[in-house]
Amino acid sequence: MDTPCDQRPTATVTPHLVCSDAAAAIEFYKAAFGAVERHRLPGPNGACIMHACIQIKESPIFLVDECPQWGSFSPVSLKGTPVTIHLQVDNVDELYAQAIAAGGTVKMSPADMFWGDRYGVLVDPFGHQWSIATHKENLTPDQIAANAKAAFGSPDCQ
C-alpha cells in the first residue's frame, strides 16, 4: 500500500503512541477524530500490533501495543502521562463532543482562552491526553500576557 505512512514521514515530529490495546485505539481514533488507518504490522505471534500508522488530517501517528518485556509501557500502566497531543481543528466543540461520544473522558470542556483559541482537553480510553483547539482571534504577545494576568493574576508555575 503506497500511503504517506509507508514512506518516510514528511512531518518533522510524528507522535508514536504506546497503547494497552492498539487495535482498539485505532478504532477509537477513527471514531473520535476521523483518523484513517494507513497500515498495521502484527507482531510475530499475531496477538499484538508491532507497528501501525494512522493519519489525522495530514498528520501521521504511529501506534504500537504495550510490550513490558521490551520496556514499552502505555499511560494506563504508568498511571498517566505528562504528554498532551494537540489537534488544531475548524470546530473544537463538534470534534470534542464526537471524541467524548466515542469514549473519551472530559478533562477540560472547551472554553474561550486568553490566548485567542477555543480549547478543551480530553483523555482517550488508552490514557493519552488530547487538547483540541479552534483559533478564534489573533492577539499580540502583550495582549496575551495582559489577558493571562487578568485571568490568573501573577502566574505561579511552581
Protein backbone atom coordinates (compact mmCIF):
# COMPACT_ATOMS: atom_id res chain seq x y z
CA MET A 1 0.00 0.00 0.00
CA ASP A 2 1.52 3.34 -1.05
CA THR A 3 0.45 5.81 1.62
CA PRO A 4 2.16 8.69 3.43
CA CYS A 5 2.83 6.46 6.48
CA ASP A 6 4.52 3.81 4.33
CA GLN A 7 7.03 6.36 3.14
CA ARG A 8 9.44 8.44 5.18
CA PRO A 9 7.18 10.84 7.14
CA THR A 10 7.25 14.41 5.88
CA ALA A 11 6.36 15.83 9.30
CA THR A 12 9.27 16.87 11.48
CA VAL A 13 7.71 15.27 14.56
CA THR A 14 5.44 12.23 14.49
CA PRO A 15 3.88 11.01 17.75
CA HIS A 16 4.46 7.33 18.49
CA LEU A 17 1.83 6.12 20.96
CA VAL A 18 2.13 3.03 23.13
CA CYS A 19 -1.37 1.64 23.79
CA SER A 20 -2.73 -1.06 26.06
CA ASP A 21 -4.79 -2.25 23.06
CA ALA A 22 -3.54 -0.68 19.84
CA ALA A 23 -6.26 -2.29 17.68
CA ALA A 24 -8.98 -0.79 19.88
CA ALA A 25 -7.10 2.53 19.96
CA ILE A 26 -7.10 2.66 16.16
CA GLU A 27 -10.87 2.17 16.14
CA PHE A 28 -11.30 4.88 18.81
CA TYR A 29 -9.18 7.37 16.84
CA LYS A 30 -11.23 6.66 13.72
CA ALA A 31 -14.50 7.32 15.58
CA ALA A 32 -13.22 10.20 17.72
CA PHE A 33 -11.00 12.15 15.35
CA GLY A 34 -11.78 10.84 11.86
CA ALA A 35 -8.41 9.07 11.64
CA VAL A 36 -7.62 6.92 8.64
CA GLU A 37 -5.71 3.70 9.17
CA ARG A 38 -2.75 3.50 6.80
CA HIS A 39 -1.23 0.20 7.84
CA ARG A 40 -0.56 -2.18 10.69
CA LEU A 41 2.14 -4.77 11.22
CA PRO A 42 1.22 -7.63 13.54
CA GLY A 43 3.81 -8.94 15.96
CA PRO A 44 5.48 -12.32 15.35
CA ASN A 45 2.80 -14.17 17.33
CA GLY A 46 -0.05 -12.27 15.65
CA ALA A 47 -1.51 -11.32 19.03
CA CYS A 48 -0.27 -7.74 19.12
CA ILE A 49 0.46 -4.80 16.86
CA MET A 50 4.19 -4.28 16.43
CA HIS A 51 3.67 -1.08 14.42
CA ALA A 52 0.71 0.77 12.95
CA CYS A 53 0.13 4.12 11.34
CA ILE A 54 -3.00 6.25 11.32
CA GLN A 55 -3.42 9.68 9.86
CA ILE A 56 -5.44 12.58 11.29
CA LYS A 57 -5.80 15.20 8.57
CA GLU A 58 -2.24 15.47 7.19
CA SER A 59 -0.51 14.21 10.35
CA PRO A 60 0.73 10.63 10.72
CA ILE A 61 0.63 8.99 14.15
CA PHE A 62 2.39 5.72 14.90
CA LEU A 63 0.97 3.18 17.36
CA VAL A 64 2.25 0.04 18.99
CA ASP A 65 0.89 -2.37 21.59
CA GLU A 66 2.32 -2.18 25.06
CA CYS A 67 5.14 -4.67 25.50
CA PRO A 68 6.61 -4.67 29.02
CA GLN A 69 9.35 -7.17 28.10
CA TRP A 70 10.69 -4.54 25.67
CA GLY A 71 10.28 -1.70 28.19
CA SER A 72 7.31 -0.29 26.27
CA PHE A 73 4.53 0.81 28.65
CA SER A 74 1.24 2.59 27.99
CA PRO A 75 -0.11 5.51 30.03
CA VAL A 76 -2.55 3.05 31.64
CA SER A 77 0.35 1.01 33.08
CA LEU A 78 2.24 4.18 34.01
CA LYS A 79 -0.90 5.63 35.65
CA GLY A 80 -0.95 8.71 33.44
CA THR A 81 1.12 10.76 31.03
CA PRO A 82 2.74 14.18 31.12
CA VAL A 83 2.33 14.44 27.32
CA THR A 84 -0.55 16.14 25.51
CA ILE A 85 -1.19 15.64 21.80
CA HIS A 86 -2.68 18.78 20.25
CA LEU A 87 -5.21 18.96 17.41
CA GLN A 88 -5.96 22.25 15.67
CA VAL A 89 -9.42 21.96 14.08
CA ASP A 90 -12.14 24.04 12.46
CA ASN A 91 -14.77 23.29 15.14
CA VAL A 92 -13.45 22.29 18.56
CA ASP A 93 -16.91 21.86 20.08
CA GLU A 94 -18.02 19.43 17.38
CA LEU A 95 -14.87 17.28 17.43
CA TYR A 96 -14.66 17.35 21.23
CA ALA A 97 -18.27 16.09 21.51
CA GLN A 98 -17.53 13.40 18.90
CA ALA A 99 -14.47 12.21 20.86
CA ILE A 100 -16.39 12.12 24.15
CA ALA A 101 -19.23 10.18 22.47
CA ALA A 102 -16.63 7.70 21.14
CA GLY A 103 -15.39 7.01 24.69
CA GLY A 104 -13.07 9.86 25.67
CA THR A 105 -13.18 11.35 29.16
CA VAL A 106 -13.66 15.06 29.81
CA LYS A 107 -10.64 16.72 31.41
CA MET A 108 -11.46 20.32 30.47
CA SER A 109 -14.53 21.21 28.43
CA PRO A 110 -13.99 23.60 25.52
CA ALA A 111 -13.89 27.25 26.54
CA ASP A 112 -12.60 30.52 25.12
CA MET A 113 -8.99 31.03 26.26
CA PHE A 114 -6.91 34.10 26.98
CA TRP A 115 -4.56 33.39 24.05
CA GLY A 116 -7.33 33.57 21.42
CA ASP A 117 -8.32 29.92 20.97
CA ARG A 118 -11.39 27.96 21.97
CA TYR A 119 -9.73 24.99 23.68
CA GLY A 120 -10.57 21.76 25.51
CA VAL A 121 -8.74 18.68 26.82
CA LEU A 122 -9.83 15.04 26.99
CA VAL A 123 -8.26 11.71 27.87
CA ASP A 124 -8.74 8.81 25.48
CA PRO A 125 -9.61 5.30 26.76
CA PHE A 126 -5.91 4.36 26.48
CA GLY A 127 -4.66 7.10 28.79
CA HIS A 128 -3.39 9.54 26.15
CA GLN A 129 -4.29 13.20 26.70
CA TRP A 130 -5.51 15.26 23.75
CA SER A 131 -6.03 19.02 23.53
CA ILE A 132 -8.28 20.31 20.79
CA ALA A 133 -8.50 23.94 19.71
CA THR A 134 -10.06 26.29 17.20
CA HIS A 135 -8.30 29.60 16.67
CA LYS A 136 -10.71 32.49 17.20
CA GLU A 137 -8.68 35.68 17.50
CA ASN A 138 -5.18 36.89 16.65
CA LEU A 139 -3.61 38.55 19.67
CA THR A 140 -0.22 40.14 20.23
CA PRO A 141 2.11 38.71 22.90
CA ASP A 142 1.35 41.78 25.05
CA GLN A 143 -2.42 41.20 24.74
CA ILE A 144 -1.99 37.53 25.66
CA ALA A 145 0.14 38.46 28.69
CA ALA A 146 -2.44 41.04 29.81
CA ASN A 147 -5.28 38.53 29.36
CA ALA A 148 -3.35 35.89 31.32
CA LYS A 149 -2.67 38.35 34.15
CA ALA A 150 -6.37 39.31 34.23
CA ALA A 151 -7.35 35.63 34.34
CA PHE A 152 -4.78 34.37 36.83
CA GLY A 153 -3.09 37.32 38.49
CA SER A 154 0.59 36.59 38.98
CA PRO A 155 1.49 33.28 37.28
CA ASP A 156 2.66 30.58 39.66
CA CYS A 157 4.15 27.59 37.84
CA GLN A 158 5.82 26.13 40.93
